[in-house]
Amino acid sequence: MLKKFLLIFLGFIFLAVGIVGIFIPILPTTPLIVLASVMFSLSNKKIYDYLANTKYLGAYIRNYRNKTGVPLETKVLSIIYLWVSLFASCLFIDKYYVHGILLGVGLAVSLHIILLKTQGKNK
């Protein structure tokens, strides 16, 4: 019973942080949503089924589970949103070392997104 409660609790924590990751590009949305779905699949099938069939988050789970990759449009929009938000951050922060850190994070996250399997391509 305690294990089930803990898995559900962790599932909601990972889900919440994953949803925040949709809006904050440096948080890894897909792994957190998938991890939440694993927690729910081990503890509560109803929550898992609901999550896997939601309009927006269900696609993350299905694409990962079926190994179909990330749609090209999602990859492009993610990279654009990432760089717009990093550039906006640089406008508000007047420290060059912070700009360097943001540039490094931006390059690393962009590379990660680019290297993800693209849906519809055979790799």
PDB file of N, CA and C in Angstrom:
ATOM      1  N   MET A   1       0.826  -1.198   0.000  1.00  0.00           N
ATOM      2  CA  MET A   1       0.000   0.000   0.000  1.00  0.00           C
ATOM      3  C   MET A   1       0.874   1.267   0.000  1.00  0.00           C
ATOM      4  N   LEU A   2       1.918   1.281   0.836  1.00  0.00           N
ATOM      5  CA  LEU A   2       2.816   2.428   0.888  1.00  0.00           C
ATOM      6  C   LEU A   2       3.550   2.598  -0.444  1.00  0.00           C
ATOM      7  N   LYS A   3       3.969   1.468  -1.034  1.00  0.00           N
ATOM      8  CA  LYS A   3       4.659   1.511  -2.328  1.00  0.00           C
ATOM      9  C   LYS A   3       3.745   2.117  -3.398  1.00  0.00           C
ATOM     10  N   LYS A   4       2.496   1.717  -3.414  1.00  0.00           N
ATOM     11  CA  LYS A   4       1.534   2.225  -4.394  1.00  0.00           C
ATOM     12  C   LYS A   4       1.338   3.735  -4.215  1.00  0.00           C
ATOM     13  N   PHE A   5       1.168   4.163  -2.976  1.00  0.00           N
ATOM     14  CA  PHE A   5       1.008   5.589  -2.680  1.00  0.00           C
ATOM     15  C   PHE A   5       2.242   6.372  -3.121  1.00  0.00           C
ATOM     16  N   LEU A   6       3.422   5.858  -2.823  1.00  0.00           N
ATOM     17  CA  LEU A   6       4.673   6.521  -3.183  1.00  0.00           C
ATOM     18  C   LEU A   6       4.817   6.635  -4.707  1.00  0.00           C
ATOM     19  N   LEU A   7       4.475   5.578  -5.422  1.00  0.00           N
ATOM     20  CA  LEU A   7       4.552   5.608  -6.883  1.00  0.00           C
ATOM     21  C   LEU A   7       3.586   6.635  -7.466  1.00  0.00           C
ATOM     22  N   ILE A   8       2.385   6.708  -6.922  1.00  0.00           N
ATOM     23  CA  ILE A   8       1.410   7.693  -7.401  1.00  0.00           C
ATOM     24  C   ILE A   8       1.903   9.106  -7.092  1.00  0.00           C
ATOM     25  N   PHE A   9       2.402   9.309  -5.876  1.00  0.00           N
ATOM     26  CA  PHE A   9       2.923  10.617  -5.476  1.00  0.00           C
ATOM     27  C   PHE A   9       4.061  11.048  -6.403  1.00  0.00           C
ATOM     28  N   LEU A  10       5.027  10.160  -6.615  1.00  0.00           N
ATOM     29  CA  LEU A  10       6.153  10.472  -7.505  1.00  0.00           C
ATOM     30  C   LEU A  10       5.673  10.709  -8.932  1.00  0.00           C
ATOM     31  N   GLY A  11       4.686   9.923  -9.359  1.00  0.00           N
ATOM     32  CA  GLY A  11       4.123  10.107 -10.692  1.00  0.00           C
ATOM     33  C   GLY A  11       3.587  11.518 -10.887  1.00  0.00           C
ATOM     34  N   PHE A  12       2.860  12.023  -9.896  1.00  0.00           N
ATOM     35  CA  PHE A  12       2.329  13.380  -9.998  1.00  0.00           C
ATOM     36  C   PHE A  12       3.432  14.433  -9.928  1.00  0.00           C
ATOM     37  N   ILE A  13       4.466  14.186  -9.151  1.00  0.00           N
ATOM     38  CA  ILE A  13       5.597  15.124  -9.098  1.00  0.00           C
ATOM     39  C   ILE A  13       6.282  15.194 -10.466  1.00  0.00           C
ATOM     40  N   PHE A  14       6.606  14.025 -11.030  1.00  0.00           N
ATOM     41  CA  PHE A  14       7.262  13.997 -12.349  1.00  0.00           C
ATOM     42  C   PHE A  14       6.357  14.603 -13.418  1.00  0.00           C
ATOM     43  N   LEU A  15       5.066  14.339 -13.322  1.00  0.00           N
ATOM     44  CA  LEU A  15       4.120  14.893 -14.282  1.00  0.00           C
ATOM     45  C   LEU A  15       4.098  16.418 -14.203  1.00  0.00           C
ATOM     46  N   ALA A  16       4.049  16.959 -12.993  1.00  0.00           N
ATOM     47  CA  ALA A  16       4.009  18.413 -12.811  1.00  0.00           C
ATOM     48  C   ALA A  16       5.274  19.070 -13.357  1.00  0.00           C
ATOM     49  N   VAL A  17       6.424  18.510 -13.023  1.00  0.00           N
ATOM     50  CA  VAL A  17       7.688  19.091 -13.505  1.00  0.00           C
ATOM     51  C   VAL A  17       7.781  18.936 -15.029  1.00  0.00           C
ATOM     52  N   GLY A  18       7.300  17.821 -15.560  1.00  0.00           N
ATOM     53  CA  GLY A  18       7.297  17.622 -17.010  1.00  0.00           C
ATOM     54  C   GLY A  18       6.421  18.639 -17.723  1.00  0.00           C
ATOM     55  N   ILE A  19       5.279  18.959 -17.135  1.00  0.00           N
ATOM     56  CA  ILE A  19       4.396  19.966 -17.730  1.00  0.00           C
ATOM     57  C   ILE A  19       5.067  21.341 -17.688  1.00  0.00           C
ATOM     58  N   VAL A  20       5.733  21.659 -16.601  1.00  0.00           N
ATOM     59  CA  VAL A  20       6.480  22.918 -16.512  1.00  0.00           C
ATOM     60  C   VAL A  20       7.552  22.937 -17.609  1.00  0.00           C
ATOM     61  N   GLY A  21       8.137  21.764 -17.890  1.00  0.00           N
ATOM     62  CA  GLY A  21       9.167  21.654 -18.923  1.00  0.00           C
ATOM     63  C   GLY A  21       8.679  21.996 -20.319  1.00  0.00           C
ATOM     64  N   ILE A  22       7.378  21.941 -20.531  1.00  0.00           N
ATOM     65  CA  ILE A  22       6.832  22.352 -21.825  1.00  0.00           C
ATOM     66  C   ILE A  22       7.091  23.839 -22.037  1.00  0.00           C
ATOM     67  N   PHE A  23       7.053  24.597 -20.955  1.00  0.00           N
ATOM     68  CA  PHE A  23       7.186  26.053 -21.036  1.00  0.00           C
ATOM     69  C   PHE A  23       8.589  26.555 -20.707  1.00  0.00           C
ATOM     70  N   ILE A  24       9.378  25.726 -20.030  1.00  0.00           N
ATOM     71  CA  ILE A  24      10.756  26.094 -19.694  1.00  0.00           C
ATOM     72  C   ILE A  24      11.670  25.113 -20.424  1.00  0.00           C
ATOM     73  N   PRO A  25      12.293  25.566 -21.489  1.00  0.00           N
ATOM     74  CA  PRO A  25      13.003  24.660 -22.393  1.00  0.00           C
ATOM     75  C   PRO A  25      14.131  23.838 -21.780  1.00  0.00           C
ATOM     76  N   ILE A  26      14.702  24.242 -20.666  1.00  0.00           N
ATOM     77  CA  ILE A  26      15.825  23.470 -20.137  1.00  0.00           C
ATOM     78  C   ILE A  26      15.382  22.275 -19.296  1.00  0.00           C
ATOM     79  N   LEU A  27      14.079  22.155 -19.032  1.00  0.00           N
ATOM     80  CA  LEU A  27      13.570  20.976 -18.321  1.00  0.00           C
ATOM     81  C   LEU A  27      13.203  19.903 -19.346  1.00  0.00           C
ATOM     82  N   PRO A  28      13.594  18.670 -19.115  1.00  0.00           N
ATOM     83  CA  PRO A  28      13.348  17.601 -20.097  1.00  0.00           C
ATOM     84  C   PRO A  28      11.912  17.066 -20.012  1.00  0.00           C
ATOM     85  N   THR A  29      11.037  17.580 -20.830  1.00  0.00           N
ATOM     86  CA  THR A  29       9.620  17.228 -20.772  1.00  0.00           C
ATOM     87  C   THR A  29       9.374  15.745 -21.004  1.00  0.00           C
ATOM     88  N   THR A  30       9.833  15.229 -22.137  1.00  0.00           N
ATOM     89  CA  THR A  30       9.500  13.852 -22.507  1.00  0.00           C
ATOM     90  C   THR A  30       9.952  12.828 -21.474  1.00  0.00           C
ATOM     91  N   PRO A  31      11.206  12.856 -21.007  1.00  0.00           N
ATOM     92  CA  PRO A  31      11.590  11.849 -20.010  1.00  0.00           C
ATOM     93  C   PRO A  31      10.760  11.921 -18.731  1.00  0.00           C
ATOM     94  N   LEU A  32      10.397  13.125 -18.313  1.00  0.00           N
ATOM     95  CA  LEU A  32       9.613  13.269 -17.088  1.00  0.00           C
ATOM     96  C   LEU A  32       8.187  12.758 -17.275  1.00  0.00           C
ATOM     97  N   ILE A  33       7.585  13.046 -18.418  1.00  0.00           N
ATOM     98  CA  ILE A  33       6.233  12.549 -18.698  1.00  0.00           C
ATOM     99  C   ILE A  33       6.253  11.026 -18.800  1.00  0.00           C
ATOM    100  N   VAL A  34       7.256  10.490 -19.473  1.00  0.00           N
ATOM    101  CA  VAL A  34       7.373   9.029 -19.596  1.00  0.00           C
ATOM    102  C   VAL A  34       7.607   8.395 -18.228  1.00  0.00           C
ATOM    103  N   LEU A  35       8.453   9.006 -17.418  1.00  0.00           N
ATOM    104  CA  LEU A  35       8.704   8.488 -16.070  1.00  0.00           C
ATOM    105  C   LEU A  35       7.426   8.513 -15.236  1.00  0.00           C
ATOM    106  N   ALA A  36       6.661   9.591 -15.342  1.00  0.00           N
ATOM    107  CA  ALA A  36       5.376   9.658 -14.629  1.00  0.00           C
ATOM    108  C   ALA A  36       4.454   8.538 -15.091  1.00  0.00           C
ATOM    109  N   SER A  37       4.438   8.283 -16.400  1.00  0.00           N
ATOM    110  CA  SER A  37       3.563   7.221 -16.907  1.00  0.00           C
ATOM    111  C   SER A  37       3.995   5.845 -16.394  1.00  0.00           C
ATOM    112  N   VAL A  38       5.304   5.643 -16.257  1.00  0.00           N
ATOM    113  CA  VAL A  38       5.800   4.383 -15.695  1.00  0.00           C
ATOM    114  C   VAL A  38       5.342   4.245 -14.244  1.00  0.00           C
ATOM    115  N   MET A  39       5.463   5.327 -13.482  1.00  0.00           N
ATOM    116  CA  MET A  39       5.020   5.299 -12.075  1.00  0.00           C
ATOM    117  C   MET A  39       3.535   4.953 -11.990  1.00  0.00           C
ATOM    118  N   PHE A  40       2.740   5.560 -12.870  1.00  0.00           N
ATOM    119  CA  PHE A  40       1.306   5.292 -12.850  1.00  0.00           C
ATOM    120  C   PHE A  40       0.985   3.883 -13.345  1.00  0.00           C
ATOM    121  N   SER A  41       1.744   3.407 -14.328  1.00  0.00           N
ATOM    122  CA  SER A  41       1.477   2.057 -14.842  1.00  0.00           C
ATOM    123  C   SER A  41       1.758   0.996 -13.782  1.00  0.00           C
ATOM    124  N   LEU A  42       2.677   1.290 -12.860  1.00  0.00           N
ATOM    125  CA  LEU A  42       3.009   0.352 -11.785  1.00  0.00           C
ATOM    126  C   LEU A  42       2.076   0.473 -10.581  1.00  0.00           C
ATOM    127  N   SER A  43       1.309   1.562 -10.532  1.00  0.00           N
ATOM    128  CA  SER A  43       0.524   1.790  -9.317  1.00  0.00           C
ATOM    129  C   SER A  43      -0.978   1.944  -9.550  1.00  0.00           C
ATOM    130  N   ASN A  44      -1.370   2.577 -10.657  1.00  0.00           N
ATOM    131  CA  ASN A  44      -2.784   2.852 -10.868  1.00  0.00           C
ATOM    132  C   ASN A  44      -3.086   2.894 -12.361  1.00  0.00           C
ATOM    133  N   LYS A  45      -3.675   1.830 -12.854  1.00  0.00           N
ATOM    134  CA  LYS A  45      -3.947   1.707 -14.291  1.00  0.00           C
ATOM    135  C   LYS A  45      -4.903   2.802 -14.788  1.00  0.00           C
ATOM    136  N   LYS A  46      -5.840   3.221 -13.967  1.00  0.00           N
ATOM    137  CA  LYS A  46      -6.792   4.264 -14.389  1.00  0.00           C
ATOM    138  C   LYS A  46      -6.076   5.578 -14.673  1.00  0.00           C
ATOM    139  N   ILE A  47      -5.168   5.968 -13.789  1.00  0.00           N
ATOM    140  CA  ILE A  47      -4.418   7.212 -14.003  1.00  0.00           C
ATOM    141  C   ILE A  47      -3.526   7.077 -15.230  1.00  0.00           C
ATOM    142  N   TYR A  48      -2.879   5.925 -15.372  1.00  0.00           N
ATOM    143  CA  TYR A  48      -2.011   5.699 -16.532  1.00  0.00           C
ATOM    144  C   TYR A  48      -2.820   5.796 -17.826  1.00  0.00           C
ATOM    145  N   ASP A  49      -3.948   5.100 -17.881  1.00  0.00           N
ATOM    146  CA  ASP A  49      -4.782   5.119 -19.092  1.00  0.00           C
ATOM    147  C   ASP A  49      -5.251   6.533 -19.417  1.00  0.00           C
ATOM    148  N   TYR A  50      -5.642   7.265 -18.388  1.00  0.00           N
ATOM    149  CA  TYR A  50      -6.083   8.643 -18.602  1.00  0.00           C
ATOM    150  C   TYR A  50      -4.949   9.482 -19.183  1.00  0.00           C
ATOM    151  N   LEU A  51      -3.784   9.392 -18.570  1.00  0.00           N
ATOM    152  CA  LEU A  51      -2.630  10.169 -19.020  1.00  0.00           C
ATOM    153  C   LEU A  51      -2.220   9.779 -20.439  1.00  0.00           C
ATOM    154  N   ALA A  52      -2.172   8.493 -20.713  1.00  0.00           N
ATOM    155  CA  ALA A  52      -1.748   8.012 -22.036  1.00  0.00           C
ATOM    156  C   ALA A  52      -2.727   8.400 -23.133  1.00  0.00           C
ATOM    157  N   ASN A  53      -3.954   8.733 -22.762  1.00  0.00           N
ATOM    158  CA  ASN A  53      -4.964   9.080 -23.762  1.00  0.00           C
ATOM    159  C   ASN A  53      -5.323  10.557 -23.778  1.00  0.00           C
ATOM    160  N   THR A  54      -4.583  11.389 -23.022  1.00  0.00           N
ATOM    161  CA  THR A  54      -4.851  12.822 -23.079  1.00  0.00           C
ATOM    162  C   THR A  54      -4.381  13.378 -24.413  1.00  0.00           C
ATOM    163  N   LYS A  55      -5.005  14.473 -24.819  1.00  0.00           N
ATOM    164  CA  LYS A  55      -4.734  15.047 -26.133  1.00  0.00           C
ATOM    165  C   LYS A  55      -3.271  15.466 -26.304  1.00  0.00           C
ATOM    166  N   TYR A  56      -2.714  16.143 -25.318  1.00  0.00           N
ATOM    167  CA  TYR A  56      -1.368  16.688 -25.473  1.00  0.00           C
ATOM    168  C   TYR A  56      -0.282  15.790 -24.894  1.00  0.00           C
ATOM    169  N   LEU A  57      -0.452  15.314 -23.689  1.00  0.00           N
ATOM    170  CA  LEU A  57       0.601  14.524 -23.048  1.00  0.00           C
ATOM    171  C   LEU A  57       0.645  13.084 -23.540  1.00  0.00           C
ATOM    172  N   GLY A  58      -0.474  12.577 -23.993  1.00  0.00           N
ATOM    173  CA  GLY A  58      -0.521  11.197 -24.471  1.00  0.00           C
ATOM    174  C   GLY A  58       0.428  10.941 -25.626  1.00  0.00           C
ATOM    175  N   ALA A  59       0.636  11.951 -26.457  1.00  0.00           N
ATOM    176  CA  ALA A  59       1.542  11.796 -27.609  1.00  0.00           C
ATOM    177  C   ALA A  59       2.968  11.521 -27.155  1.00  0.00           C
ATOM    178  N   TYR A  60       3.410  12.167 -26.083  1.00  0.00           N
ATOM    179  CA  TYR A  60       4.756  11.914 -25.562  1.00  0.00           C
ATOM    180  C   TYR A  60       4.909  10.440 -25.191  1.00  0.00           C
ATOM    181  N   ILE A  61       3.904   9.916 -24.513  1.00  0.00           N
ATOM    182  CA  ILE A  61       3.957   8.530 -24.048  1.00  0.00           C
ATOM    183  C   ILE A  61       3.875   7.563 -25.219  1.00  0.00           C
ATOM    184  N   ARG A  62       2.943   7.789 -26.126  1.00  0.00           N
ATOM    185  CA  ARG A  62       2.776   6.893 -27.284  1.00  0.00           C
ATOM    186  C   ARG A  62       4.019   6.899 -28.171  1.00  0.00           C
ATOM    187  N   ASN A  63       4.570   8.080 -28.444  1.00  0.00           N
ATOM    188  CA  ASN A  63       5.760   8.158 -29.302  1.00  0.00           C
ATOM    189  C   ASN A  63       6.932   7.421 -28.679  1.00  0.00           C
ATOM    190  N   TYR A  64       7.076   7.537 -27.370  1.00  0.00           N
ATOM    191  CA  TYR A  64       8.174   6.849 -26.688  1.00  0.00           C
ATOM    192  C   TYR A  64       7.918   5.342 -26.647  1.00  0.00           C
ATOM    193  N   ARG A  65       6.721   4.955 -26.249  1.00  0.00           N
ATOM    194  CA  ARG A  65       6.374   3.540 -26.115  1.00  0.00           C
ATOM    195  C   ARG A  65       6.471   2.816 -27.464  1.00  0.00           C
ATOM    196  N   ASN A  66       6.018   3.476 -28.526  1.00  0.00           N
ATOM    197  CA  ASN A  66       6.024   2.856 -29.855  1.00  0.00           C
ATOM    198  C   ASN A  66       7.324   3.101 -30.619  1.00  0.00           C
ATOM    199  N   LYS A  67       8.242   3.859 -30.001  1.00  0.00           N
ATOM    200  CA  LYS A  67       9.532   4.200 -30.618  1.00  0.00           C
ATOM    201  C   LYS A  67       9.358   4.837 -32.006  1.00  0.00           C
ATOM    202  N   THR A  68       8.350   5.709 -32.127  1.00  0.00           N
ATOM    203  CA  THR A  68       8.080   6.347 -33.412  1.00  0.00           C
ATOM    204  C   THR A  68       8.818   7.670 -33.587  1.00  0.00           C
ATOM    205  N   GLY A  69       9.414   8.195 -32.526  1.00  0.00           N
ATOM    206  CA  GLY A  69      10.178   9.429 -32.634  1.00  0.00           C
ATOM    207  C   GLY A  69       9.348  10.670 -32.376  1.00  0.00           C
ATOM    208  N   VAL A  70      10.001  11.818 -32.563  1.00  0.00           N
ATOM    209  CA  VAL A  70       9.392  13.119 -32.315  1.00  0.00           C
ATOM    210  C   VAL A  70       9.050  13.751 -33.659  1.00  0.00           C
ATOM    211  N   PRO A  71       7.840  14.304 -33.790  1.00  0.00           N
ATOM    212  CA  PRO A  71       7.500  14.969 -35.058  1.00  0.00           C
ATOM    213  C   PRO A  71       8.471  16.111 -35.365  1.00  0.00           C
ATOM    214  N   LEU A  72       8.816  16.277 -36.636  1.00  0.00           N
ATOM    215  CA  LEU A  72       9.757  17.325 -37.052  1.00  0.00           C
ATOM    216  C   LEU A  72       9.266  18.700 -36.611  1.00  0.00           C
ATOM    217  N   GLU A  73       7.987  18.962 -36.748  1.00  0.00           N
ATOM    218  CA  GLU A  73       7.422  20.254 -36.350  1.00  0.00           C
ATOM    219  C   GLU A  73       7.674  20.522 -34.857  1.00  0.00           C
ATOM    220  N   THR A  74       7.534  19.504 -34.035  1.00  0.00           N
ATOM    221  CA  THR A  74       7.776  19.652 -32.597  1.00  0.00           C
ATOM    222  C   THR A  74       9.234  19.978 -32.330  1.00  0.00           C
ATOM    223  N   LYS A  75      10.135  19.316 -33.050  1.00  0.00           N
ATOM    224  CA  LYS A  75      11.563  19.579 -32.871  1.00  0.00           C
ATOM    225  C   LYS A  75      11.899  21.025 -33.254  1.00  0.00           C
ATOM    226  N   VAL A  76      11.385  21.470 -34.400  1.00  0.00           N
ATOM    227  CA  VAL A  76      11.673  22.825 -34.877  1.00  0.00           C
ATOM    228  C   VAL A  76      11.110  23.869 -33.917  1.00  0.00           C
ATOM    229  N   LEU A  77       9.853  23.693 -33.504  1.00  0.00           N
ATOM    230  CA  LEU A  77       9.232  24.647 -32.586  1.00  0.00           C
ATOM    231  C   LEU A  77       9.941  24.664 -31.234  1.00  0.00           C
ATOM    232  N   SER A  78      10.400  23.507 -30.779  1.00  0.00           N
ATOM    233  CA  SER A  78      11.120  23.434 -29.507  1.00  0.00           C
ATOM    234  C   SER A  78      12.420  24.228 -29.565  1.00  0.00           C
ATOM    235  N   ILE A  79      13.147  24.065 -30.654  1.00  0.00           N
ATOM    236  CA  ILE A  79      14.422  24.787 -30.792  1.00  0.00           C
ATOM    237  C   ILE A  79      14.189  26.289 -30.916  1.00  0.00           C
ATOM    238  N   ILE A  80      13.163  26.677 -31.663  1.00  0.00           N
ATOM    239  CA  ILE A  80      12.852  28.112 -31.791  1.00  0.00           C
ATOM    240  C   ILE A  80      12.474  28.688 -30.433  1.00  0.00           C
ATOM    241  N   TYR A  81      11.595  28.007 -29.717  1.00  0.00           N
ATOM    242  CA  TYR A  81      11.160  28.484 -28.406  1.00  0.00           C
ATOM    243  C   TYR A  81      12.339  28.547 -27.434  1.00  0.00           C
ATOM    244  N   LEU A  82      13.198  27.554 -27.498  1.00  0.00           N
ATOM    245  CA  LEU A  82      14.385  27.527 -26.644  1.00  0.00           C
ATOM    246  C   LEU A  82      15.225  28.776 -26.856  1.00  0.00           C
ATOM    247  N   TRP A  83      15.568  29.070 -28.096  1.00  0.00           N
ATOM    248  CA  TRP A  83      16.471  30.183 -28.371  1.00  0.00           C
ATOM    249  C   TRP A  83      15.821  31.534 -28.133  1.00  0.00           C
ATOM    250  N   VAL A  84      14.530  31.654 -28.397  1.00  0.00           N
ATOM    251  CA  VAL A  84      13.825  32.917 -28.098  1.00  0.00           C
ATOM    252  C   VAL A  84      13.849  33.174 -26.600  1.00  0.00           C
ATOM    253  N   SER A  85      13.554  32.134 -25.807  1.00  0.00           N
ATOM    254  CA  SER A  85      13.534  32.327 -24.351  1.00  0.00           C
ATOM    255  C   SER A  85      14.943  32.569 -23.797  1.00  0.00           C
ATOM    256  N   LEU A  86      15.962  31.919 -24.351  1.00  0.00           N
ATOM    257  CA  LEU A  86      17.330  32.166 -23.893  1.00  0.00           C
ATOM    258  C   LEU A  86      17.778  33.583 -24.265  1.00  0.00           C
ATOM    259  N   PHE A  87      17.432  34.030 -25.467  1.00  0.00           N
ATOM    260  CA  PHE A  87      17.781  35.386 -25.880  1.00  0.00           C
ATOM    261  C   PHE A  87      17.083  36.411 -24.981  1.00  0.00           C
ATOM    262  N   ALA A  88      15.805  36.167 -24.672  1.00  0.00           N
ATOM    263  CA  ALA A  88      15.070  37.071 -23.782  1.00  0.00           C
ATOM    264  C   ALA A  88      15.727  37.104 -22.406  1.00  0.00           C
ATOM    265  N   SER A  89      16.184  35.969 -21.933  1.00  0.00           N
ATOM    266  CA  SER A  89      16.868  35.919 -20.634  1.00  0.00           C
ATOM    267  C   SER A  89      18.142  36.761 -20.668  1.00  0.00           C
ATOM    268  N   CYS A  90      18.852  36.683 -21.778  1.00  0.00           N
ATOM    269  CA  CYS A  90      20.092  37.465 -21.902  1.00  0.00           C
ATOM    270  C   CYS A  90      19.813  38.973 -21.894  1.00  0.00           C
ATOM    271  N   LEU A  91      18.652  39.383 -22.380  1.00  0.00           N
ATOM    272  CA  LEU A  91      18.303  40.805 -22.365  1.00  0.00           C
ATOM    273  C   LEU A  91      18.086  41.324 -20.943  1.00  0.00           C
ATOM    274  N   PHE A  92      17.611  40.441 -20.069  1.00  0.00           N
ATOM    275  CA  PHE A  92      17.313  40.849 -18.696  1.00  0.00           C
ATOM    276  C   PHE A  92      18.489  40.649 -17.741  1.00  0.00           C
ATOM    277  N   ILE A  93      19.445  39.845 -18.148  1.00  0.00           N
ATOM    278  CA  ILE A  93      20.592  39.561 -17.285  1.00  0.00           C
ATOM    279  C   ILE A  93      21.829  40.149 -17.946  1.00  0.00           C
ATOM    280  N   ASP A  94      22.498  41.028 -17.231  1.00  0.00           N
ATOM    281  CA  ASP A  94      23.615  41.765 -17.813  1.00  0.00           C
ATOM    282  C   ASP A  94      24.963  41.210 -17.350  1.00  0.00           C
ATOM    283  N   LYS A  95      25.088  39.923 -17.287  1.00  0.00           N
ATOM    284  CA  LYS A  95      26.338  39.273 -16.875  1.00  0.00           C
ATOM    285  C   LYS A  95      26.793  38.362 -18.024  1.00  0.00           C
ATOM    286  N   TYR A  96      28.011  38.594 -18.479  1.00  0.00           N
ATOM    287  CA  TYR A  96      28.502  37.828 -19.617  1.00  0.00           C
ATOM    288  C   TYR A  96      28.698  36.349 -19.301  1.00  0.00           C
ATOM    289  N   TYR A  97      29.078  36.042 -18.067  1.00  0.00           N
ATOM    290  CA  TYR A  97      29.250  34.628 -17.732  1.00  0.00           C
ATOM    291  C   TYR A  97      27.904  33.897 -17.760  1.00  0.00           C
ATOM    292  N   VAL A  98      26.821  34.598 -17.407  1.00  0.00           N
ATOM    293  CA  VAL A  98      25.487  33.990 -17.491  1.00  0.00           C
ATOM    294  C   VAL A  98      25.117  33.774 -18.961  1.00  0.00           C
ATOM    295  N   HIS A  99      25.463  34.733 -19.804  1.00  0.00           N
ATOM    296  CA  HIS A  99      25.219  34.571 -21.239  1.00  0.00           C
ATOM    297  C   HIS A  99      25.945  33.332 -21.768  1.00  0.00           C
ATOM    298  N   GLY A 100      27.166  33.134 -21.300  1.00  0.00           N
ATOM    299  CA  GLY A 100      27.939  31.958 -21.712  1.00  0.00           C
ATOM    300  C   GLY A 100      27.287  30.659 -21.255  1.00  0.00           C
ATOM    301  N   ILE A 101      26.799  30.660 -20.018  1.00  0.00           N
ATOM    302  CA  ILE A 101      26.114  29.464 -19.500  1.00  0.00           C
ATOM    303  C   ILE A 101      24.852  29.195 -20.317  1.00  0.00           C
ATOM    304  N   LEU A 102      24.074  30.245 -20.583  1.00  0.00           N
ATOM    305  CA  LEU A 102      22.854  30.069 -21.373  1.00  0.00           C
ATOM    306  C   LEU A 102      23.170  29.584 -22.787  1.00  0.00           C
ATOM    307  N   LEU A 103      24.247  30.095 -23.368  1.00  0.00           N
ATOM    308  CA  LEU A 103      24.661  29.637 -24.692  1.00  0.00           C
ATOM    309  C   LEU A 103      25.016  28.150 -24.651  1.00  0.00           C
ATOM    310  N   GLY A 104      25.770  27.748 -23.627  1.00  0.00           N
ATOM    311  CA  GLY A 104      26.131  26.338 -23.491  1.00  0.00           C
ATOM    312  C   GLY A 104      24.912  25.445 -23.316  1.00  0.00           C
ATOM    313  N   VAL A 105      23.988  25.874 -22.461  1.00  0.00           N
ATOM    314  CA  VAL A 105      22.751  25.109 -22.253  1.00  0.00           C
ATOM    315  C   VAL A 105      21.956  25.041 -23.558  1.00  0.00           C
ATOM    316  N   GLY A 106      21.859  26.172 -24.241  1.00  0.00           N
ATOM    317  CA  GLY A 106      21.118  26.210 -25.500  1.00  0.00           C
ATOM    318  C   GLY A 106      21.697  25.267 -26.546  1.00  0.00           C
ATOM    319  N   LEU A 107      23.016  25.270 -26.664  1.00  0.00           N
ATOM    320  CA  LEU A 107      23.662  24.369 -27.632  1.00  0.00           C
ATOM    321  C   LEU A 107      23.460  22.907 -27.258  1.00  0.00           C
ATOM    322  N   ALA A 108      23.590  22.598 -25.972  1.00  0.00           N
ATOM    323  CA  ALA A 108      23.422  21.203 -25.521  1.00  0.00           C
ATOM    324  C   ALA A 108      21.986  20.724 -25.728  1.00  0.00           C
ATOM    325  N   VAL A 109      21.023  21.553 -25.350  1.00  0.00           N
ATOM    326  CA  VAL A 109      19.619  21.153 -25.512  1.00  0.00           C
ATOM    327  C   VAL A 109      19.255  21.068 -26.989  1.00  0.00           C
ATOM    328  N   SER A 110      19.747  22.003 -27.797  1.00  0.00           N
ATOM    329  CA  SER A 110      19.483  21.950 -29.245  1.00  0.00           C
ATOM    330  C   SER A 110      20.041  20.663 -29.847  1.00  0.00           C
ATOM    331  N   LEU A 111      21.266  20.321 -29.475  1.00  0.00           N
ATOM    332  CA  LEU A 111      21.876  19.089 -29.977  1.00  0.00           C
ATOM    333  C   LEU A 111      21.055  17.875 -29.556  1.00  0.00           C
ATOM    334  N   HIS A 112      20.624  17.860 -28.311  1.00  0.00           N
ATOM    335  CA  HIS A 112      19.798  16.752 -27.824  1.00  0.00           C
ATOM    336  C   HIS A 112      18.513  16.630 -28.658  1.00  0.00           C
ATOM    337  N   ILE A 113      17.852  17.745 -28.907  1.00  0.00           N
ATOM    338  CA  ILE A 113      16.606  17.720 -29.688  1.00  0.00           C
ATOM    339  C   ILE A 113      16.877  17.250 -31.109  1.00  0.00           C
ATOM    340  N   ILE A 114      17.944  17.748 -31.712  1.00  0.00           N
ATOM    341  CA  ILE A 114      18.284  17.360 -33.088  1.00  0.00           C
ATOM    342  C   ILE A 114      18.581  15.861 -33.180  1.00  0.00           C
ATOM    343  N   LEU A 115      19.255  15.319 -32.170  1.00  0.00           N
ATOM    344  CA  LEU A 115      19.636  13.902 -32.201  1.00  0.00           C
ATOM    345  C   LEU A 115      18.488  12.950 -31.883  1.00  0.00           C
ATOM    346  N   LEU A 116      17.373  13.473 -31.361  1.00  0.00           N
ATOM    347  CA  LEU A 116      16.215  12.604 -31.136  1.00  0.00           C
ATOM    348  C   LEU A 116      15.716  12.071 -32.469  1.00  0.00           C
ATOM    349  N   LYS A 117      15.251  10.855 -32.471  1.00  0.00           N
ATOM    350  CA  LYS A 117      14.722  10.263 -33.692  1.00  0.00           C
ATOM    351  C   LYS A 117      13.552  11.108 -34.182  1.00  0.00           C
ATOM    352  N   THR A 118      13.590  11.419 -35.488  1.00  0.00           N
ATOM    353  CA  THR A 118      12.504  12.205 -36.084  1.00  0.00           C
ATOM    354  C   THR A 118      11.426  11.271 -36.590  1.00  0.00           C
ATOM    355  N   GLN A 119      10.201  11.584 -36.245  1.00  0.00           N
ATOM    356  CA  GLN A 119       9.085  10.730 -36.626  1.00  0.00           C
ATOM    357  C   GLN A 119       8.985  10.645 -38.153  1.00  0.00           C
ATOM    358  N   GLY A 120       8.850   9.438 -38.645  1.00  0.00           N
ATOM    359  CA  GLY A 120       8.713   9.217 -40.072  1.00  0.00           C
ATOM    360  C   GLY A 120      10.016   8.962 -40.787  1.00  0.00           C
ATOM    361  N   LYS A 121      11.150   9.186 -40.137  1.00  0.00           N
ATOM    362  CA  LYS A 121      12.456   8.912 -40.746  1.00  0.00           C
ATOM    363  C   LYS A 121      12.952   7.572 -40.258  1.00  0.00           C
ATOM    364  N   ASN A 122      13.577   6.819 -41.117  1.00  0.00           N
ATOM    365  CA  ASN A 122      14.186   5.552 -40.713  1.00  0.00           C
ATOM    366  C   ASN A 122      15.639   5.790 -40.355  1.00  0.00           C
ATOM    367  N   LYS A 123      15.963   5.611 -39.086  1.00  0.00           N
ATOM    368  CA  LYS A 123      17.352   5.797 -38.637  1.00  0.00           C
ATOM    369  C   LYS A 123      17.807   4.555 -37.940  1.00  0.00           C
TER     370      LYS A 123
END
